[in-house]
N, C-alpha and C. Protein backbone atom coordinates (compact mmCIF):
# COMPACT_ATOMS: atom_id res chain seq x y z
N UNK A 1 -14.76 -3.84 -6.12
CA UNK A 1 -15.86 -3.31 -5.55
C UNK A 1 -16.75 -2.93 -6.66
N UNK A 2 -17.99 -3.53 -6.75
CA UNK A 2 -18.79 -3.19 -8.04
C UNK A 2 -19.25 -1.48 -7.69
N UNK A 3 -19.13 -0.92 -8.91
CA UNK A 3 -19.31 0.54 -9.06
C UNK A 3 -18.24 1.50 -8.67
N UNK A 4 -17.13 0.96 -8.14
CA UNK A 4 -16.03 1.61 -7.75
C UNK A 4 -15.55 2.30 -8.92
N UNK A 5 -14.89 3.52 -8.64
CA UNK A 5 -14.22 4.31 -9.88
C UNK A 5 -13.00 3.64 -10.23
N UNK A 6 -12.67 3.99 -11.57
CA UNK A 6 -11.35 3.33 -11.89
C UNK A 6 -10.35 4.08 -11.19
N UNK A 7 -10.40 5.26 -10.47
CA UNK A 7 -9.30 5.67 -9.69
C UNK A 7 -9.18 4.87 -8.49
N UNK A 8 -10.33 4.72 -7.56
CA UNK A 8 -10.48 3.74 -6.65
C UNK A 8 -9.86 2.30 -6.75
N UNK A 9 -10.21 1.80 -7.99
CA UNK A 9 -9.84 0.30 -8.39
C UNK A 9 -8.21 0.56 -8.27
N UNK A 10 -7.65 1.52 -9.15
CA UNK A 10 -6.31 1.63 -9.68
C UNK A 10 -5.70 1.73 -7.86
N UNK A 11 -6.08 2.67 -7.12
CA UNK A 11 -5.71 2.79 -5.88
C UNK A 11 -5.62 1.48 -5.09
N UNK A 12 -6.69 0.95 -4.90
CA UNK A 12 -6.95 -0.49 -4.16
C UNK A 12 -5.90 -1.32 -4.87
N UNK A 13 -5.64 -1.54 -6.09
CA UNK A 13 -4.67 -2.42 -6.59
C UNK A 13 -3.38 -2.14 -6.42
N UNK A 14 -2.98 -0.97 -6.44
CA UNK A 14 -1.80 -0.46 -6.30
C UNK A 14 -1.45 -0.78 -4.66
N UNK A 15 -2.38 -0.54 -3.61
CA UNK A 15 -2.30 -0.73 -2.23
C UNK A 15 -1.73 -2.41 -2.08
N UNK A 16 -2.69 -3.41 -2.71
CA UNK A 16 -2.35 -4.71 -2.72
C UNK A 16 -1.22 -5.00 -3.01
N UNK A 17 -0.54 -4.49 -4.15
CA UNK A 17 0.65 -4.73 -4.93
C UNK A 17 1.78 -4.18 -3.71
N UNK A 18 1.66 -3.12 -3.02
CA UNK A 18 2.45 -2.60 -2.17
C UNK A 18 2.46 -3.52 -0.77
N UNK A 19 1.32 -4.01 -0.58
CA UNK A 19 1.35 -4.80 0.69
C UNK A 19 2.03 -6.38 0.36
N UNK A 20 1.86 -6.78 -0.86
CA UNK A 20 2.73 -8.23 -1.10
C UNK A 20 4.18 -7.81 -1.08
N UNK A 21 4.61 -6.38 -1.79
CA UNK A 21 5.93 -6.14 -1.61
C UNK A 21 6.60 -6.05 -0.39
N UNK A 22 5.73 -5.40 0.46
CA UNK A 22 6.07 -5.01 2.09
C UNK A 22 6.17 -6.67 2.62
N UNK A 23 5.41 -7.39 2.46
CA UNK A 23 5.35 -8.68 3.00
C UNK A 23 6.66 -9.46 2.68
N UNK A 24 6.92 -9.49 1.35
CA UNK A 24 8.22 -10.16 0.74
C UNK A 24 9.34 -9.47 1.51
N UNK A 25 9.46 -8.10 1.51
CA UNK A 25 10.62 -7.60 2.29
C UNK A 25 10.69 -7.87 3.75
N UNK A 26 9.44 -8.07 4.30
CA UNK A 26 9.65 -8.20 5.92
C UNK A 26 10.15 -9.75 6.05
N UNK A 27 9.82 -10.52 5.06
CA UNK A 27 10.30 -12.01 5.33
C UNK A 27 11.65 -12.02 5.01
N UNK A 28 12.11 -11.27 4.10
CA UNK A 28 13.63 -11.13 3.68
C UNK A 28 14.29 -10.40 5.09
N UNK A 29 13.83 -9.45 5.57
CA UNK A 29 14.32 -8.78 6.75
C UNK A 29 14.42 -9.85 7.89
N UNK A 30 13.39 -10.60 8.06
CA UNK A 30 13.21 -11.65 8.97
C UNK A 30 14.20 -12.60 9.12
N UNK A 31 14.50 -13.28 7.70
CA UNK A 31 15.63 -14.04 7.41
C UNK A 31 16.91 -13.45 7.59
N UNK A 32 17.19 -12.44 7.29
CA UNK A 32 18.50 -11.58 7.47
C UNK A 32 18.99 -11.36 8.96
N UNK A 33 17.70 -10.91 9.88
CA UNK A 33 17.88 -10.87 11.10
C UNK A 33 18.09 -12.20 12.06
N UNK A 34 17.48 -12.96 11.43
CA UNK A 34 17.79 -14.38 11.95
C UNK A 34 19.13 -14.89 11.71
N UNK A 35 19.44 -14.82 10.54
CA UNK A 35 20.83 -15.18 10.13
C UNK A 35 21.97 -14.32 11.08
N UNK A 36 21.66 -12.79 11.33
CA UNK A 36 22.51 -12.27 12.27
C UNK A 36 22.54 -12.70 13.71
N UNK A 37 21.55 -13.37 14.11
CA UNK A 37 21.23 -13.91 15.58
C UNK A 37 21.87 -15.34 15.75
N UNK A 38 21.78 -15.82 14.35
CA UNK A 38 22.32 -17.30 14.43
C UNK A 38 21.48 -18.31 14.56
N UNK A 39 20.25 -18.02 14.15
CA UNK A 39 19.03 -18.90 14.50
C UNK A 39 18.30 -18.80 13.11
N UNK A 40 17.38 -19.51 12.89
CA UNK A 40 16.62 -19.70 11.38
C UNK A 40 15.41 -18.66 11.56
N UNK A 41 14.79 -18.55 10.55
CA UNK A 41 13.43 -17.49 10.59
C UNK A 41 12.56 -18.12 11.26
N UNK A 42 12.13 -19.35 11.20
CA UNK A 42 11.00 -20.14 12.11
C UNK A 42 11.42 -19.81 13.64
N UNK A 43 12.65 -20.26 13.99
CA UNK A 43 13.02 -19.82 15.29
C UNK A 43 12.68 -18.36 15.85
N UNK A 44 13.17 -17.50 14.85
CA UNK A 44 12.80 -16.01 15.23
C UNK A 44 11.47 -15.64 15.34
N UNK A 45 10.66 -16.32 14.44
CA UNK A 45 9.21 -16.18 14.34
C UNK A 45 8.78 -16.52 15.80
N UNK A 46 9.07 -17.50 16.08
CA UNK A 46 8.49 -18.19 17.31
C UNK A 46 9.03 -17.42 18.53
N UNK A 47 10.05 -16.97 18.42
CA UNK A 47 10.92 -16.15 19.53
C UNK A 47 10.06 -14.62 19.53
N UNK A 48 9.54 -14.12 18.44
CA UNK A 48 8.85 -13.03 18.42
C UNK A 48 7.33 -13.24 19.01
N UNK A 49 6.80 -14.26 18.65
CA UNK A 49 5.45 -14.59 19.31
C UNK A 49 5.59 -14.72 20.54
N UNK A 50 6.37 -15.49 21.29
CA UNK A 50 6.59 -15.50 22.69
C UNK A 50 6.94 -14.06 23.22
N UNK A 51 7.88 -13.17 22.67
CA UNK A 51 8.09 -11.77 23.08
C UNK A 51 6.52 -11.12 22.95
N UNK A 52 5.81 -11.17 22.28
CA UNK A 52 4.62 -10.51 21.97
C UNK A 52 3.42 -11.18 23.08
N UNK A 53 3.53 -12.38 23.21
CA UNK A 53 2.24 -13.05 23.84
C UNK A 53 2.72 -13.08 25.44
N UNK A 54 4.10 -13.12 25.51
CA UNK A 54 4.42 -13.49 27.03
C UNK A 54 4.63 -14.93 27.30
N UNK A 55 4.81 -15.27 28.66
CA UNK A 55 4.93 -16.77 28.87
C UNK A 55 3.63 -17.60 28.23
N UNK A 56 4.15 -18.79 27.69
CA UNK A 56 2.96 -19.47 27.00
C UNK A 56 3.44 -20.99 27.15
N UNK A 57 2.59 -21.84 27.05
CA UNK A 57 2.91 -23.44 26.91
C UNK A 57 3.52 -23.64 25.58
N UNK A 58 4.30 -24.58 25.46
CA UNK A 58 4.79 -25.18 24.14
C UNK A 58 3.70 -25.64 23.19
N UNK A 59 2.39 -25.95 23.83
CA UNK A 59 1.17 -26.36 23.16
C UNK A 59 0.64 -25.16 22.35
N UNK A 60 0.64 -24.02 23.22
CA UNK A 60 -0.05 -22.82 22.85
C UNK A 60 0.87 -22.12 21.40
N UNK A 61 2.01 -22.30 21.74
CA UNK A 61 3.10 -21.94 20.61
C UNK A 61 3.05 -22.80 19.53
N UNK A 62 2.68 -23.99 19.56
CA UNK A 62 2.57 -24.74 18.49
C UNK A 62 1.28 -24.35 17.68
N UNK A 63 0.19 -24.28 18.62
CA UNK A 63 -0.99 -23.80 17.95
C UNK A 63 -1.04 -22.57 17.21
N UNK A 64 -0.26 -21.42 17.63
CA UNK A 64 0.06 -20.18 17.29
C UNK A 64 0.76 -20.17 16.16
N UNK A 65 1.50 -21.18 15.94
CA UNK A 65 2.48 -21.16 14.71
C UNK A 65 1.97 -22.17 13.57
N UNK A 66 1.04 -23.20 13.85
CA UNK A 66 0.68 -24.20 13.16
C UNK A 66 1.61 -25.33 13.03
N UNK A 67 2.81 -25.24 13.87
CA UNK A 67 3.93 -26.25 13.81
C UNK A 67 3.35 -27.42 14.57
N UNK A 68 3.90 -28.52 14.45
CA UNK A 68 3.44 -29.75 15.42
C UNK A 68 4.34 -29.54 16.53
N UNK A 69 4.04 -30.16 17.54
CA UNK A 69 4.54 -30.19 19.03
C UNK A 69 5.99 -30.82 18.77
N UNK A 70 6.32 -31.70 17.77
CA UNK A 70 7.70 -32.17 17.86
C UNK A 70 8.50 -31.12 17.17
N UNK A 71 7.95 -30.37 16.01
CA UNK A 71 8.80 -29.09 15.62
C UNK A 71 8.88 -28.20 16.49
N UNK A 72 7.85 -27.92 17.43
CA UNK A 72 8.17 -26.83 18.49
C UNK A 72 9.02 -27.20 19.65
N UNK A 73 9.32 -28.63 19.79
CA UNK A 73 10.30 -29.05 20.63
C UNK A 73 11.49 -28.81 20.33
N UNK A 74 11.74 -28.79 18.87
CA UNK A 74 13.15 -28.84 18.34
C UNK A 74 13.32 -27.22 18.19
N UNK A 75 12.34 -26.21 18.07
CA UNK A 75 12.45 -24.91 18.06
C UNK A 75 13.01 -24.34 19.39
N UNK A 76 12.09 -24.91 20.30
CA UNK A 76 12.50 -24.55 21.91
C UNK A 76 13.88 -24.86 22.48
N UNK A 77 14.07 -26.27 21.96
CA UNK A 77 15.41 -26.88 22.06
C UNK A 77 16.69 -25.77 21.69
N UNK A 78 16.42 -25.54 20.35
CA UNK A 78 17.60 -24.42 19.79
C UNK A 78 17.37 -23.19 20.63
N UNK A 79 16.34 -22.59 20.76
CA UNK A 79 16.22 -21.19 21.32
C UNK A 79 16.86 -21.02 22.76
N UNK A 80 16.48 -22.21 23.34
CA UNK A 80 16.93 -22.43 24.96
C UNK A 80 18.64 -22.86 24.81
N UNK A 81 19.21 -23.32 23.84
CA UNK A 81 20.43 -23.43 23.66
C UNK A 81 21.15 -22.21 23.54
N UNK A 82 20.54 -21.41 22.59
CA UNK A 82 21.04 -20.13 22.24
C UNK A 82 20.90 -19.03 23.49
N UNK A 83 20.03 -19.36 24.32
CA UNK A 83 19.76 -18.65 25.47
C UNK A 83 18.55 -17.64 25.27
N UNK A 84 17.75 -17.54 24.33
CA UNK A 84 16.67 -16.80 24.18
C UNK A 84 15.38 -17.20 25.09
N UNK A 85 15.22 -18.38 25.46
CA UNK A 85 14.08 -18.65 26.21
C UNK A 85 14.26 -19.57 27.26
N UNK A 86 13.74 -19.85 28.14
CA UNK A 86 14.00 -21.30 28.79
C UNK A 86 12.54 -21.85 29.33
N UNK A 87 12.58 -23.16 29.58
CA UNK A 87 11.31 -23.70 29.93
C UNK A 87 11.29 -23.99 31.37
N UNK A 88 9.90 -23.79 31.81
CA UNK A 88 9.92 -24.29 33.14
C UNK A 88 8.45 -25.29 33.27
N UNK A 89 8.53 -26.06 34.32
CA UNK A 89 7.41 -26.94 34.40
C UNK A 89 6.29 -25.89 35.16
N UNK A 90 4.96 -26.00 34.80
CA UNK A 90 4.04 -25.44 35.48
C UNK A 90 3.77 -25.80 36.76
N UNK A 91 3.54 -25.16 37.82
CA UNK A 91 3.66 -25.51 39.08
C UNK A 91 2.24 -26.16 39.45
N UNK A 92 1.31 -25.74 38.74
CA UNK A 92 -0.30 -26.57 38.85
C UNK A 92 -0.28 -27.90 38.28
N UNK A 93 0.60 -27.92 36.81
CA UNK A 93 0.39 -29.05 36.30
C UNK A 93 1.63 -29.41 35.61
N UNK A 94 2.41 -30.37 36.47
CA UNK A 94 3.92 -30.56 35.89
C UNK A 94 3.93 -31.26 34.70
N UNK A 95 2.83 -31.53 33.86
CA UNK A 95 2.86 -32.17 32.56
C UNK A 95 3.19 -31.09 31.37
N UNK A 96 2.71 -29.88 31.91
CA UNK A 96 2.88 -28.60 31.13
C UNK A 96 4.05 -27.94 31.11
N UNK A 97 4.67 -27.51 30.13
CA UNK A 97 5.86 -26.83 30.25
C UNK A 97 5.69 -25.45 29.64
N UNK A 98 5.96 -24.12 30.57
CA UNK A 98 5.84 -22.85 30.09
C UNK A 98 7.20 -22.34 29.34
N UNK A 99 7.01 -21.84 28.59
CA UNK A 99 8.46 -21.06 27.69
C UNK A 99 8.26 -19.64 28.29
N UNK A 100 9.43 -19.30 28.65
CA UNK A 100 9.59 -17.85 29.11
C UNK A 100 10.62 -17.38 28.39
N UNK A 101 10.51 -15.95 28.17
CA UNK A 101 11.49 -15.20 27.20
C UNK A 101 12.81 -14.79 28.16
N UNK A 102 13.72 -14.71 27.72
CA UNK A 102 15.29 -14.35 28.33
C UNK A 102 15.10 -13.03 27.99
N UNK A 103 14.61 -11.96 28.72
CA UNK A 103 14.59 -10.61 28.39
C UNK A 103 15.99 -10.15 28.14
N UNK A 104 17.04 -10.19 28.95
CA UNK A 104 18.15 -9.81 28.94
C UNK A 104 19.11 -10.17 27.83
N UNK A 105 18.69 -11.61 27.26
CA UNK A 105 19.55 -11.73 25.93
C UNK A 105 18.77 -11.38 24.86
N UNK A 106 17.54 -10.88 24.92
CA UNK A 106 16.56 -10.27 23.85
C UNK A 106 17.52 -8.77 23.77
N UNK A 107 17.29 -8.18 24.94
CA UNK A 107 17.91 -6.63 24.81
C UNK A 107 19.51 -6.77 24.48
N UNK A 108 20.01 -7.48 24.83
CA UNK A 108 21.42 -7.49 24.44
C UNK A 108 21.73 -7.96 22.88
N UNK A 109 20.89 -8.84 22.28
CA UNK A 109 21.27 -9.36 21.06
C UNK A 109 20.16 -9.31 20.04
N UNK A 110 18.94 -8.98 20.38
CA UNK A 110 17.74 -9.02 19.48
C UNK A 110 17.49 -7.63 19.23
N UNK A 111 17.65 -6.81 20.33
CA UNK A 111 17.09 -5.36 20.27
C UNK A 111 17.86 -4.52 19.37
N UNK A 112 19.22 -4.96 19.39
CA UNK A 112 20.22 -3.97 18.58
C UNK A 112 19.79 -4.40 16.92
N UNK A 113 19.35 -5.37 16.70
CA UNK A 113 19.11 -5.78 15.27
C UNK A 113 18.12 -5.14 14.82
N UNK A 114 16.87 -4.68 15.57
CA UNK A 114 15.71 -4.25 14.97
C UNK A 114 15.79 -2.57 15.29
N UNK A 115 16.77 -2.29 16.33
CA UNK A 115 16.73 -0.82 16.60
C UNK A 115 16.73 0.17 15.56
N UNK A 116 17.63 -0.19 14.47
CA UNK A 116 17.50 0.83 13.28
C UNK A 116 16.00 1.06 12.45
N UNK A 117 15.34 -0.31 12.90
CA UNK A 117 14.25 -0.15 11.73
C UNK A 117 13.25 0.76 12.76
N UNK A 118 13.33 0.38 13.98
CA UNK A 118 12.22 1.34 15.00
C UNK A 118 12.61 2.85 14.82
N UNK A 119 13.95 3.07 14.81
CA UNK A 119 14.37 4.57 14.72
C UNK A 119 13.86 5.02 13.12
N UNK A 120 14.09 4.22 12.11
CA UNK A 120 13.62 4.75 10.88
C UNK A 120 12.09 4.75 10.94
N UNK A 121 11.37 4.01 11.35
CA UNK A 121 9.88 4.07 11.50
C UNK A 121 9.42 5.22 12.23
N UNK A 122 10.06 5.58 13.36
CA UNK A 122 9.58 6.75 14.15
C UNK A 122 10.06 7.97 13.29
N UNK A 123 11.05 8.06 12.71
CA UNK A 123 11.29 9.31 11.70
C UNK A 123 10.23 9.50 10.80
N UNK A 124 9.77 8.41 10.29
CA UNK A 124 8.82 8.41 9.22
C UNK A 124 7.38 8.94 9.86
N UNK A 125 7.12 8.18 11.08
CA UNK A 125 5.79 8.56 11.68
C UNK A 125 5.64 9.81 12.09
N UNK A 126 6.66 10.79 12.21
CA UNK A 126 6.34 12.22 12.54
C UNK A 126 5.79 12.93 11.89
N UNK A 127 5.86 12.36 10.26
CA UNK A 127 4.91 13.13 9.31
C UNK A 127 3.45 13.05 9.32
N UNK A 128 3.16 12.17 10.32
CA UNK A 128 1.68 12.04 10.38
C UNK A 128 1.16 12.71 11.72
N UNK A 129 -0.13 13.10 11.80
CA UNK A 129 -0.77 13.85 12.82
C UNK A 129 -1.33 12.46 13.87
N UNK A 130 -1.38 12.84 14.82
CA UNK A 130 -2.13 12.06 15.85
C UNK A 130 -3.28 11.01 15.34
N UNK A 131 -4.29 11.72 14.60
CA UNK A 131 -5.24 11.28 14.11
C UNK A 131 -5.13 10.31 12.75
N UNK A 132 -4.07 10.68 12.12
CA UNK A 132 -3.66 9.77 10.98
C UNK A 132 -2.87 8.46 11.31
N UNK A 133 -2.19 8.70 12.38
CA UNK A 133 -1.49 7.36 12.90
C UNK A 133 -2.73 6.68 13.42
N UNK A 134 -3.61 7.17 14.11
CA UNK A 134 -4.75 6.38 14.77
C UNK A 134 -5.53 5.70 13.68
N UNK A 135 -5.72 6.16 12.42
CA UNK A 135 -6.47 5.66 11.40
C UNK A 135 -5.56 4.45 10.67
N UNK A 136 -4.24 4.95 10.59
CA UNK A 136 -3.11 3.79 9.95
C UNK A 136 -3.26 2.69 11.01
N UNK A 137 -3.25 2.98 12.27
CA UNK A 137 -3.13 1.92 13.55
C UNK A 137 -4.46 0.92 13.21
N UNK A 138 -5.61 1.47 12.98
CA UNK A 138 -7.02 0.66 13.00
C UNK A 138 -6.90 0.12 11.68
N UNK A 139 -6.54 0.53 10.56
CA UNK A 139 -6.35 0.00 9.17
C UNK A 139 -5.49 -1.49 9.48
N UNK A 140 -4.21 -1.30 10.16
CA UNK A 140 -3.28 -2.38 10.27
C UNK A 140 -3.91 -3.18 11.37
N UNK A 141 -4.45 -2.96 12.11
CA UNK A 141 -5.31 -3.81 13.04
C UNK A 141 -6.27 -4.86 12.19
N UNK A 142 -7.11 -4.09 11.40
CA UNK A 142 -7.92 -4.80 10.62
C UNK A 142 -7.52 -5.92 9.61
N UNK A 143 -6.21 -5.24 8.95
CA UNK A 143 -5.33 -6.13 8.10
C UNK A 143 -4.68 -7.39 8.94
N UNK A 144 -4.42 -7.14 9.84
CA UNK A 144 -3.91 -8.22 10.81
C UNK A 144 -4.91 -9.56 10.99
N UNK A 145 -6.28 -8.85 11.41
CA UNK A 145 -7.29 -9.87 11.63
C UNK A 145 -7.58 -10.41 10.36
N UNK A 146 -7.56 -10.01 9.08
CA UNK A 146 -7.90 -10.40 7.71
C UNK A 146 -6.70 -11.54 7.74
N UNK A 147 -5.60 -11.18 7.81
CA UNK A 147 -4.61 -12.15 7.81
C UNK A 147 -4.54 -13.45 8.69
N UNK A 148 -5.04 -13.29 10.09
CA UNK A 148 -5.20 -14.00 10.86
C UNK A 148 -6.30 -15.29 10.53
N UNK A 149 -7.50 -14.31 10.09
CA UNK A 149 -8.53 -15.32 9.46
C UNK A 149 -8.20 -16.09 8.43
N UNK A 150 -7.28 -15.59 7.37
CA UNK A 150 -6.97 -16.38 6.36
C UNK A 150 -6.01 -17.59 6.73
N UNK A 151 -5.03 -17.20 7.47
CA UNK A 151 -4.27 -18.14 8.03
C UNK A 151 -4.99 -19.57 8.69
N UNK A 152 -5.98 -19.13 9.33
CA UNK A 152 -6.92 -20.34 10.10
C UNK A 152 -7.81 -20.84 8.96
N UNK A 153 -7.93 -20.33 7.95
CA UNK A 153 -8.68 -20.77 6.68
C UNK A 153 -7.95 -21.70 6.15
N UNK A 154 -6.47 -21.22 5.79
CA UNK A 154 -5.55 -22.33 5.14
C UNK A 154 -5.35 -23.41 5.91
N UNK A 155 -4.97 -23.13 7.00
CA UNK A 155 -4.69 -24.28 7.93
C UNK A 155 -5.86 -25.39 8.10
N UNK A 156 -7.01 -25.03 7.95
CA UNK A 156 -8.17 -25.95 8.12
C UNK A 156 -8.45 -26.47 6.75
N UNK A 157 -8.20 -25.83 5.53
CA UNK A 157 -8.18 -26.60 4.40
C UNK A 157 -7.11 -27.44 4.21
N UNK A 158 -5.86 -27.29 4.73
CA UNK A 158 -4.81 -28.22 4.65
C UNK A 158 -4.99 -29.49 5.64
N UNK A 159 -5.61 -29.23 6.84
CA UNK A 159 -6.00 -30.39 7.58
C UNK A 159 -6.96 -31.26 7.05
N UNK A 160 -8.12 -30.61 6.15
CA UNK A 160 -9.22 -31.41 5.80
C UNK A 160 -9.22 -31.30 4.20
N UNK A 161 -8.29 -31.75 3.29
CA UNK A 161 -8.53 -31.32 2.05
C UNK A 161 -9.71 -31.85 1.37
């Protein structure tokens, strides 16, 4: 930012480096969790999207991930075989397939993998006031939107080089 103090620039740079490190560790954590669950990291990411979004069509999942519909079919085959999701035909449009989370399987197998992370996060969060947590959440939501926008940009550039 033009005119920013050296201290401000230093803090912003340190923050960006910390974000990169956190992103790298999150990817490694995701891979380790997927290994523990006996699935691959892409499948775990898709499972997470379904868990966060709720029931969705295979096409919606393909759009959310940027994967082809053929790739999503493979992901869903593996997740369904492992018991994490099931597919149902849409009652209004039999051509559409709705992907639904198997909540009991998630609670049995996925939740214990991530429970220690949640426990550690909650232990850390107690150090912050409600107002501070609200500010952190607001910033995190802005960061998520920035990343979504950049993901859209990268996909568009890849589609039309």
